[in-house]
Amino acid sequence: MLRGLRLIALTLVLLVTAGCVRAEGDLTLDGDSDTASGSIAFAVAYDPEEESEESRAEAADLVLRIVDTSLPGLREHAEVTSAPLEQSGWLGTTLTLDEVPISDLVVAGGEPLITRDGEEFVVAGTINALDAEGIPAAPAVEEDSEDDVPPRRAGATDSLVRLTVTFPGPVDEVGEVTGEHSSVLVEGNTVTWQAPYDEPLTLEAEGAAFTPLFSADVWRLVWWGLGILAVLAVAGLVTVLVRGRRD
């Protein structure tokens, strides 16, 4: 079990009337300063053919509400800059983080998403977009097929919730995701979680807060070398003993 794991109700509010939202974050952790740098983008889908100043204003306002509810105070942080994000059929904002203390990267309720535990960083939280207040929810489009299995929400198949965290050193532990459409991928020192917005996504990982002095390959060579030296030393000792007996 992950040491010091605290499951946080991370209310990453990603429900809009259209039901199609994307939230993508890429964070790199620094063990010397206990900070996070990178970017987090939020976007909602809208129909350009029905675009008007009022609809754009409503979409922009909704994105800001999503950001402020998900990561309170982050937009106003001194080390965070924001820029408009507009792609075909998508409208949103991108937050760029420049060495933001992990203690300031908090979610609804003021709980930190990333903490420091000795020589490790701990990521612990649950992205539950269906547990949102103050944001309109997309309607269900499928009936329950089985008991306790919630219906899919409108726009869920086109939505995306992704968080990528890069640790300074090796990833020690990663928890499993439970959602049918969720995934977790470990590549080197990087962990990526991904899910549609209508499925709770559990974030559980621990990684080294410092870059190892030597890589695993170097240590492997060192141990091989020590093993060879030990064998040679034993062989030399046996040779000396045998010659001593002959003399």
C-alpha atoms as a PDB file:
ATOM      1  CA  MET A   1       0.000   0.000   0.000  1.00  0.00           C
ATOM      2  CA  LEU A   2       1.306   3.444  -0.807  1.00  0.00           C
ATOM      3  CA  ARG A   3       2.944   5.018   2.205  1.00  0.00           C
ATOM      4  CA  GLY A   4       1.230   8.137   3.465  1.00  0.00           C
ATOM      5  CA  LEU A   5      -1.542   7.797   0.927  1.00  0.00           C
ATOM      6  CA  ARG A   6      -4.351  10.239   1.455  1.00  0.00           C
ATOM      7  CA  LEU A   7      -7.217   9.885  -0.959  1.00  0.00           C
ATOM      8  CA  ILE A   8      -8.387  13.361  -1.834  1.00  0.00           C
ATOM      9  CA  ALA A   9     -11.767  14.148  -3.267  1.00  0.00           C
ATOM     10  CA  LEU A  10     -10.308  16.026  -6.201  1.00  0.00           C
ATOM     11  CA  THR A  11     -13.352  17.795  -7.583  1.00  0.00           C
ATOM     12  CA  LEU A  12     -12.013  18.406 -11.048  1.00  0.00           C
ATOM     13  CA  VAL A  13     -15.277  19.778 -12.359  1.00  0.00           C
ATOM     14  CA  LEU A  14     -15.527  18.806 -15.982  1.00  0.00           C
ATOM     15  CA  LEU A  15     -19.253  18.702 -16.669  1.00  0.00           C
ATOM     16  CA  VAL A  16     -20.820  21.139 -19.090  1.00  0.00           C
ATOM     17  CA  THR A  17     -24.168  21.271 -20.783  1.00  0.00           C
ATOM     18  CA  ALA A  18     -22.664  19.976 -24.029  1.00  0.00           C
ATOM     19  CA  GLY A  19     -20.981  17.246 -22.011  1.00  0.00           C
ATOM     20  CA  CYS A  20     -17.664  17.518 -23.846  1.00  0.00           C
ATOM     21  CA  VAL A  21     -14.668  18.758 -21.882  1.00  0.00           C
ATOM     22  CA  ARG A  22     -10.935  18.296 -22.036  1.00  0.00           C
ATOM     23  CA  ALA A  23      -8.469  18.832 -19.227  1.00  0.00           C
ATOM     24  CA  GLU A  24      -4.820  17.991 -19.835  1.00  0.00           C
ATOM     25  CA  GLY A  25      -1.989  18.577 -17.404  1.00  0.00           C
ATOM     26  CA  ASP A  26       1.759  18.038 -17.725  1.00  0.00           C
ATOM     27  CA  LEU A  27       3.734  18.632 -14.540  1.00  0.00           C
ATOM     28  CA  THR A  28       7.429  18.154 -13.750  1.00  0.00           C
ATOM     29  CA  LEU A  29       8.459  17.989 -10.091  1.00  0.00           C
ATOM     30  CA  ASP A  30      11.649  19.439  -8.603  1.00  0.00           C
ATOM     31  CA  GLY A  31      12.968  17.819  -5.444  1.00  0.00           C
ATOM     32  CA  ASP A  32      15.386  20.634  -4.569  1.00  0.00           C
ATOM     33  CA  SER A  33      12.661  23.273  -4.326  1.00  0.00           C
ATOM     34  CA  ASP A  34       9.544  21.099  -3.879  1.00  0.00           C
ATOM     35  CA  THR A  35       7.918  22.798  -6.848  1.00  0.00           C
ATOM     36  CA  ALA A  36       5.963  21.839  -9.940  1.00  0.00           C
ATOM     37  CA  SER A  37       6.380  23.316 -13.409  1.00  0.00           C
ATOM     38  CA  GLY A  38       4.443  22.681 -16.584  1.00  0.00           C
ATOM     39  CA  SER A  39       1.017  23.436 -17.987  1.00  0.00           C
ATOM     40  CA  ILE A  40      -2.640  22.628 -17.410  1.00  0.00           C
ATOM     41  CA  ALA A  41      -5.191  23.228 -20.164  1.00  0.00           C
ATOM     42  CA  PHE A  42      -8.974  23.305 -19.802  1.00  0.00           C
ATOM     43  CA  ALA A  43     -11.308  23.487 -22.792  1.00  0.00           C
ATOM     44  CA  VAL A  44     -15.018  23.072 -23.491  1.00  0.00           C
ATOM     45  CA  ALA A  45     -16.621  22.153 -26.790  1.00  0.00           C
ATOM     46  CA  TYR A  46     -18.749  24.679 -28.641  1.00  0.00           C
ATOM     47  CA  ASP A  47     -20.343  24.905 -32.078  1.00  0.00           C
ATOM     48  CA  PRO A  48     -18.609  27.553 -34.254  1.00  0.00           C
ATOM     49  CA  GLU A  49     -21.642  27.655 -36.549  1.00  0.00           C
ATOM     50  CA  GLU A  50     -23.777  28.869 -33.670  1.00  0.00           C
ATOM     51  CA  GLU A  51     -21.077  31.140 -32.313  1.00  0.00           C
ATOM     52  CA  SER A  52     -22.026  34.519 -30.926  1.00  0.00           C
ATOM     53  CA  GLU A  53     -20.440  36.954 -28.519  1.00  0.00           C
ATOM     54  CA  GLU A  54     -22.838  35.748 -25.862  1.00  0.00           C
ATOM     55  CA  SER A  55     -22.053  32.049 -26.413  1.00  0.00           C
ATOM     56  CA  ARG A  56     -18.300  32.707 -26.379  1.00  0.00           C
ATOM     57  CA  ALA A  57     -18.634  34.720 -23.195  1.00  0.00           C
ATOM     58  CA  GLU A  58     -20.653  31.929 -21.574  1.00  0.00           C
ATOM     59  CA  ALA A  59     -18.089  29.308 -22.638  1.00  0.00           C
ATOM     60  CA  ALA A  60     -15.188  31.421 -21.363  1.00  0.00           C
ATOM     61  CA  ASP A  61     -16.977  32.021 -18.066  1.00  0.00           C
ATOM     62  CA  LEU A  62     -17.664  28.302 -17.676  1.00  0.00           C
ATOM     63  CA  VAL A  63     -14.009  27.437 -18.275  1.00  0.00           C
ATOM     64  CA  LEU A  64     -12.920  29.898 -15.584  1.00  0.00           C
ATOM     65  CA  ARG A  65     -15.454  28.425 -13.168  1.00  0.00           C
ATOM     66  CA  ILE A  66     -14.101  24.959 -13.904  1.00  0.00           C
ATOM     67  CA  VAL A  67     -10.519  26.111 -13.298  1.00  0.00           C
ATOM     68  CA  ASP A  68     -11.315  28.028 -10.113  1.00  0.00           C
ATOM     69  CA  THR A  69     -13.387  25.175  -8.688  1.00  0.00           C
ATOM     70  CA  SER A  70     -10.854  22.509  -9.636  1.00  0.00           C
ATOM     71  CA  LEU A  71      -7.681  24.333  -8.607  1.00  0.00           C
ATOM     72  CA  PRO A  72      -8.723  27.262  -6.393  1.00  0.00           C
ATOM     73  CA  GLY A  73      -6.371  30.222  -6.403  1.00  0.00           C
ATOM     74  CA  LEU A  74      -4.044  28.821  -9.046  1.00  0.00           C
ATOM     75  CA  ARG A  75      -4.940  31.375 -11.737  1.00  0.00           C
ATOM     76  CA  GLU A  76      -3.980  34.213  -9.381  1.00  0.00           C
ATOM     77  CA  HIS A  77      -0.704  32.618  -8.278  1.00  0.00           C
ATOM     78  CA  ALA A  78       2.366  34.782  -8.871  1.00  0.00           C
ATOM     79  CA  GLU A  79       4.173  31.956 -10.673  1.00  0.00           C
ATOM     80  CA  VAL A  80       1.263  31.103 -12.982  1.00  0.00           C
ATOM     81  CA  THR A  81       0.370  32.747 -16.284  1.00  0.00           C
ATOM     82  CA  SER A  82      -2.745  32.087 -18.340  1.00  0.00           C
ATOM     83  CA  ALA A  83      -3.389  32.326 -22.062  1.00  0.00           C
ATOM     84  CA  PRO A  84      -6.505  31.791 -24.196  1.00  0.00           C
ATOM     85  CA  LEU A  85      -6.819  28.405 -25.848  1.00  0.00           C
ATOM     86  CA  GLU A  86      -8.836  28.144 -29.039  1.00  0.00           C
ATOM     87  CA  GLN A  87      -8.895  25.242 -31.450  1.00  0.00           C
ATOM     88  CA  SER A  88     -11.449  23.996 -33.919  1.00  0.00           C
ATOM     89  CA  GLY A  89     -14.593  23.502 -31.862  1.00  0.00           C
ATOM     90  CA  TRP A  90     -12.831  24.070 -28.541  1.00  0.00           C
ATOM     91  CA  LEU A  91     -12.511  27.119 -26.319  1.00  0.00           C
ATOM     92  CA  GLY A  92     -10.543  27.320 -23.103  1.00  0.00           C
ATOM     93  CA  THR A  93      -7.450  28.474 -21.262  1.00  0.00           C
ATOM     94  CA  THR A  94      -3.916  27.216 -20.629  1.00  0.00           C
ATOM     95  CA  LEU A  95      -2.191  27.771 -17.303  1.00  0.00           C
ATOM     96  CA  THR A  96       1.611  27.746 -17.327  1.00  0.00           C
ATOM     97  CA  LEU A  97       3.272  26.953 -14.009  1.00  0.00           C
ATOM     98  CA  ASP A  98       6.823  28.112 -13.301  1.00  0.00           C
ATOM     99  CA  GLU A  99       8.170  26.484 -10.129  1.00  0.00           C
ATOM    100  CA  VAL A 100       4.922  26.637  -8.183  1.00  0.00           C
ATOM    101  CA  PRO A 101       5.330  25.199  -4.655  1.00  0.00           C
ATOM    102  CA  ILE A 102       3.510  21.875  -4.440  1.00  0.00           C
ATOM    103  CA  SER A 103       1.850  23.143  -1.256  1.00  0.00           C
ATOM    104  CA  ASP A 104       0.078  25.753  -3.415  1.00  0.00           C
ATOM    105  CA  LEU A 105      -1.196  23.185  -5.898  1.00  0.00           C
ATOM    106  CA  VAL A 106      -4.399  22.512  -4.022  1.00  0.00           C
ATOM    107  CA  VAL A 107      -7.799  21.214  -5.029  1.00  0.00           C
ATOM    108  CA  ALA A 108     -11.320  21.851  -3.779  1.00  0.00           C
ATOM    109  CA  GLY A 109     -11.271  21.890   0.004  1.00  0.00           C
ATOM    110  CA  GLY A 110      -7.689  23.163   0.156  1.00  0.00           C
ATOM    111  CA  GLU A 111      -6.054  19.733   0.068  1.00  0.00           C
ATOM    112  CA  PRO A 112      -2.713  19.389  -1.779  1.00  0.00           C
ATOM    113  CA  LEU A 113      -2.640  17.045  -4.749  1.00  0.00           C
ATOM    114  CA  ILE A 114       1.107  16.392  -4.408  1.00  0.00           C
ATOM    115  CA  THR A 115       2.988  16.090  -1.129  1.00  0.00           C
ATOM    116  CA  ARG A 116       6.551  15.395  -0.041  1.00  0.00           C
ATOM    117  CA  ASP A 117       7.232  12.368   2.164  1.00  0.00           C
ATOM    118  CA  GLY A 118      10.916  12.213   3.026  1.00  0.00           C
ATOM    119  CA  GLU A 119      12.830  11.426  -0.137  1.00  0.00           C
ATOM    120  CA  GLU A 120       9.698  10.822  -2.196  1.00  0.00           C
ATOM    121  CA  PHE A 121       6.868  12.738  -3.797  1.00  0.00           C
ATOM    122  CA  VAL A 122       3.378  11.320  -3.274  1.00  0.00           C
ATOM    123  CA  VAL A 123       0.542  11.928  -5.722  1.00  0.00           C
ATOM    124  CA  ALA A 124      -2.821  10.988  -4.225  1.00  0.00           C
ATOM    125  CA  GLY A 125      -6.282  11.942  -5.371  1.00  0.00           C
ATOM    126  CA  THR A 126      -9.470  10.970  -7.111  1.00  0.00           C
ATOM    127  CA  ILE A 127     -10.763  12.882 -10.107  1.00  0.00           C
ATOM    128  CA  ASN A 128     -14.525  12.551  -9.830  1.00  0.00           C
ATOM    129  CA  ALA A 129     -16.180  14.802 -12.362  1.00  0.00           C
ATOM    130  CA  LEU A 130     -19.653  13.526 -11.499  1.00  0.00           C
ATOM    131  CA  ASP A 131     -19.365  14.902  -7.974  1.00  0.00           C
ATOM    132  CA  ALA A 132     -19.579  18.539  -9.014  1.00  0.00           C
ATOM    133  CA  GLU A 133     -21.510  21.458  -7.614  1.00  0.00           C
ATOM    134  CA  GLY A 134     -22.392  24.638  -9.446  1.00  0.00           C
ATOM    135  CA  ILE A 135     -21.554  23.300 -12.905  1.00  0.00           C
ATOM    136  CA  PRO A 136     -24.310  21.960 -15.180  1.00  0.00           C
ATOM    137  CA  ALA A 137     -24.041  18.229 -15.774  1.00  0.00           C
ATOM    138  CA  ALA A 138     -24.419  16.500 -19.098  1.00  0.00           C
ATOM    139  CA  PRO A 139     -27.400  14.148 -19.328  1.00  0.00           C
ATOM    140  CA  ALA A 140     -27.082  10.378 -19.349  1.00  0.00           C
ATOM    141  CA  VAL A 141     -27.395   8.873 -22.819  1.00  0.00           C
ATOM    142  CA  GLU A 142     -27.417   5.174 -21.951  1.00  0.00           C
ATOM    143  CA  GLU A 143     -29.468   3.175 -19.513  1.00  0.00           C
ATOM    144  CA  ASP A 144     -27.736   1.091 -16.869  1.00  0.00           C
ATOM    145  CA  SER A 145     -26.757  -2.245 -18.394  1.00  0.00           C
ATOM    146  CA  GLU A 146     -25.867  -3.789 -15.061  1.00  0.00           C
ATOM    147  CA  ASP A 147     -26.531  -3.078 -11.429  1.00  0.00           C
ATOM    148  CA  ASP A 148     -24.265  -0.385  -9.969  1.00  0.00           C
ATOM    149  CA  VAL A 149     -22.923   0.515 -13.433  1.00  0.00           C
ATOM    150  CA  PRO A 150     -23.677   4.186 -14.183  1.00  0.00           C
ATOM    151  CA  PRO A 151     -24.806   5.220 -17.673  1.00  0.00           C
ATOM    152  CA  ARG A 152     -22.405   7.009 -20.002  1.00  0.00           C
ATOM    153  CA  ARG A 153     -22.820  10.770 -20.218  1.00  0.00           C
ATOM    154  CA  ALA A 154     -23.307  12.857 -23.336  1.00  0.00           C
ATOM    155  CA  GLY A 155     -19.963  13.737 -24.923  1.00  0.00           C
ATOM    156  CA  ALA A 156     -17.993  11.351 -22.719  1.00  0.00           C
ATOM    157  CA  THR A 157     -16.394   9.493 -25.619  1.00  0.00           C
ATOM    158  CA  ASP A 158     -14.963  12.763 -26.974  1.00  0.00           C
ATOM    159  CA  SER A 159     -13.895  14.082 -23.602  1.00  0.00           C
ATOM    160  CA  LEU A 160     -10.502  13.648 -21.992  1.00  0.00           C
ATOM    161  CA  VAL A 161      -9.086  13.999 -18.505  1.00  0.00           C
ATOM    162  CA  ARG A 162      -5.317  13.462 -18.497  1.00  0.00           C
ATOM    163  CA  LEU A 163      -2.621  14.191 -15.958  1.00  0.00           C
ATOM    164  CA  THR A 164       1.060  13.484 -16.578  1.00  0.00           C
ATOM    165  CA  VAL A 165       3.544  13.807 -13.714  1.00  0.00           C
ATOM    166  CA  THR A 166       7.310  13.465 -14.147  1.00  0.00           C
ATOM    167  CA  PHE A 167       9.289  12.693 -10.998  1.00  0.00           C
ATOM    168  CA  PRO A 168      12.973  13.628 -10.556  1.00  0.00           C
ATOM    169  CA  GLY A 169      13.846   9.982  -9.953  1.00  0.00           C
ATOM    170  CA  PRO A 170      12.412   6.507 -10.478  1.00  0.00           C
ATOM    171  CA  VAL A 171       8.743   5.752  -9.910  1.00  0.00           C
ATOM    172  CA  ASP A 172       8.476   3.473  -6.871  1.00  0.00           C
ATOM    173  CA  GLU A 173       4.791   2.597  -6.715  1.00  0.00           C
ATOM    174  CA  VAL A 174       1.703   3.171  -8.845  1.00  0.00           C
ATOM    175  CA  GLY A 175      -1.845   2.307  -7.878  1.00  0.00           C
ATOM    176  CA  GLU A 176      -4.279   0.651 -10.247  1.00  0.00           C
ATOM    177  CA  VAL A 177      -7.152   2.499 -11.889  1.00  0.00           C
ATOM    178  CA  THR A 178     -10.580   0.970 -11.497  1.00  0.00           C
ATOM    179  CA  GLY A 179     -12.585   2.564 -14.302  1.00  0.00           C
ATOM    180  CA  GLU A 180     -13.455   0.557 -17.392  1.00  0.00           C
ATOM    181  CA  HIS A 181     -12.209   3.314 -19.696  1.00  0.00           C
ATOM    182  CA  SER A 182      -9.405   4.639 -17.466  1.00  0.00           C
ATOM    183  CA  SER A 183      -5.710   3.901 -17.827  1.00  0.00           C
ATOM    184  CA  VAL A 184      -2.371   4.505 -16.152  1.00  0.00           C
ATOM    185  CA  LEU A 185       0.970   4.320 -17.951  1.00  0.00           C
ATOM    186  CA  VAL A 186       4.498   4.423 -16.533  1.00  0.00           C
ATOM    187  CA  GLU A 187       7.366   5.434 -18.820  1.00  0.00           C
ATOM    188  CA  GLY A 188      10.667   5.942 -17.045  1.00  0.00           C
ATOM    189  CA  ASN A 189      10.130   8.600 -14.368  1.00  0.00           C
ATOM    190  CA  THR A 190       6.768   9.664 -15.818  1.00  0.00           C
ATOM    191  CA  VAL A 191       3.255   8.532 -14.888  1.00  0.00           C
ATOM    192  CA  THR A 192       0.217   9.346 -17.051  1.00  0.00           C
ATOM    193  CA  TRP A 193      -3.380   8.893 -15.939  1.00  0.00           C
ATOM    194  CA  GLN A 194      -6.221   9.195 -18.426  1.00  0.00           C
ATOM    195  CA  ALA A 195     -10.005   8.784 -18.420  1.00  0.00           C
ATOM    196  CA  PRO A 196     -13.214  10.208 -19.898  1.00  0.00           C
ATOM    197  CA  TYR A 197     -14.845  12.822 -17.668  1.00  0.00           C
ATOM    198  CA  ASP A 198     -17.764  10.581 -16.653  1.00  0.00           C
ATOM    199  CA  GLU A 199     -15.540   8.008 -14.949  1.00  0.00           C
ATOM    200  CA  PRO A 200     -13.784   8.583 -11.593  1.00  0.00           C
ATOM    201  CA  LEU A 201     -10.015   8.391 -11.996  1.00  0.00           C
ATOM    202  CA  THR A 202      -7.811   7.433  -9.049  1.00  0.00           C
ATOM    203  CA  LEU A 203      -4.333   8.963  -8.888  1.00  0.00           C
ATOM    204  CA  GLU A 204      -1.865   7.024  -6.754  1.00  0.00           C
ATOM    205  CA  ALA A 205       1.886   7.158  -7.240  1.00  0.00           C
ATOM    206  CA  GLU A 206       5.151   7.587  -5.402  1.00  0.00           C
ATOM    207  CA  GLY A 207       8.415   8.605  -7.005  1.00  0.00           C
ATOM    208  CA  ALA A 208      11.908   9.602  -5.932  1.00  0.00           C
ATOM    209  CA  ALA A 209      12.364  13.290  -5.201  1.00  0.00           C
ATOM    210  CA  PHE A 210      15.980  13.247  -6.368  1.00  0.00           C
ATOM    211  CA  THR A 211      17.822  11.982  -9.416  1.00  0.00           C
ATOM    212  CA  PRO A 212      19.986   8.975  -8.474  1.00  0.00           C
ATOM    213  CA  LEU A 213      23.735   9.581  -8.598  1.00  0.00           C
ATOM    214  CA  PHE A 214      24.098   6.548 -10.822  1.00  0.00           C
ATOM    215  CA  SER A 215      21.573   4.914 -13.077  1.00  0.00           C
ATOM    216  CA  ALA A 216      20.369   1.353 -12.552  1.00  0.00           C
ATOM    217  CA  ASP A 217      22.568   0.196 -15.449  1.00  0.00           C
ATOM    218  CA  VAL A 218      25.658   1.687 -13.823  1.00  0.00           C
ATOM    219  CA  TRP A 219      24.882  -0.008 -10.509  1.00  0.00           C
ATOM    220  CA  ARG A 220      24.322  -3.282 -12.354  1.00  0.00           C
ATOM    221  CA  LEU A 221      27.777  -3.005 -13.911  1.00  0.00           C
ATOM    222  CA  VAL A 222      29.286  -2.170 -10.527  1.00  0.00           C
ATOM    223  CA  TRP A 223      27.753  -5.264  -8.942  1.00  0.00           C
ATOM    224  CA  TRP A 224      28.872  -7.413 -11.848  1.00  0.00           C
ATOM    225  CA  GLY A 225      32.387  -6.017 -11.465  1.00  0.00           C
ATOM    226  CA  LEU A 226      32.406  -6.669  -7.726  1.00  0.00           C
ATOM    227  CA  GLY A 227      31.188 -10.198  -8.356  1.00  0.00           C
ATOM    228  CA  ILE A 228      33.964 -10.858 -10.848  1.00  0.00           C
ATOM    229  CA  LEU A 229      36.561  -9.438  -8.444  1.00  0.00           C
ATOM    230  CA  ALA A 230      35.226 -11.670  -5.669  1.00  0.00           C
ATOM    231  CA  VAL A 231      35.486 -14.750  -7.903  1.00  0.00           C
ATOM    232  CA  LEU A 232      39.042 -13.821  -8.919  1.00  0.00           C
ATOM    233  CA  ALA A 233      39.985 -13.221  -5.285  1.00  0.00           C
ATOM    234  CA  VAL A 234      38.661 -16.624  -4.233  1.00  0.00           C
ATOM    235  CA  ALA A 235      40.430 -18.291  -7.164  1.00  0.00           C
ATOM    236  CA  GLY A 236      43.675 -16.558  -6.244  1.00  0.00           C
ATOM    237  CA  LEU A 237      43.355 -17.616  -2.609  1.00  0.00           C
ATOM    238  CA  VAL A 238      42.721 -21.233  -3.608  1.00  0.00           C
ATOM    239  CA  THR A 239      45.779 -21.157  -5.892  1.00  0.00           C
ATOM    240  CA  VAL A 240      47.991 -19.842  -3.087  1.00  0.00           C
ATOM    241  CA  LEU A 241      46.727 -22.492  -0.650  1.00  0.00           C
ATOM    242  CA  VAL A 242      47.281 -25.311  -3.150  1.00  0.00           C
ATOM    243  CA  ARG A 243      50.831 -24.168  -3.887  1.00  0.00           C
ATOM    244  CA  GLY A 244      51.527 -23.810  -0.172  1.00  0.00           C
ATOM    245  CA  ARG A 245      50.539 -27.412   0.470  1.00  0.00           C
ATOM    246  CA  ARG A 246      52.773 -28.649  -2.377  1.00  0.00           C
ATOM    247  CA  ASP A 247      55.741 -26.801  -0.939  1.00  0.00           C
END
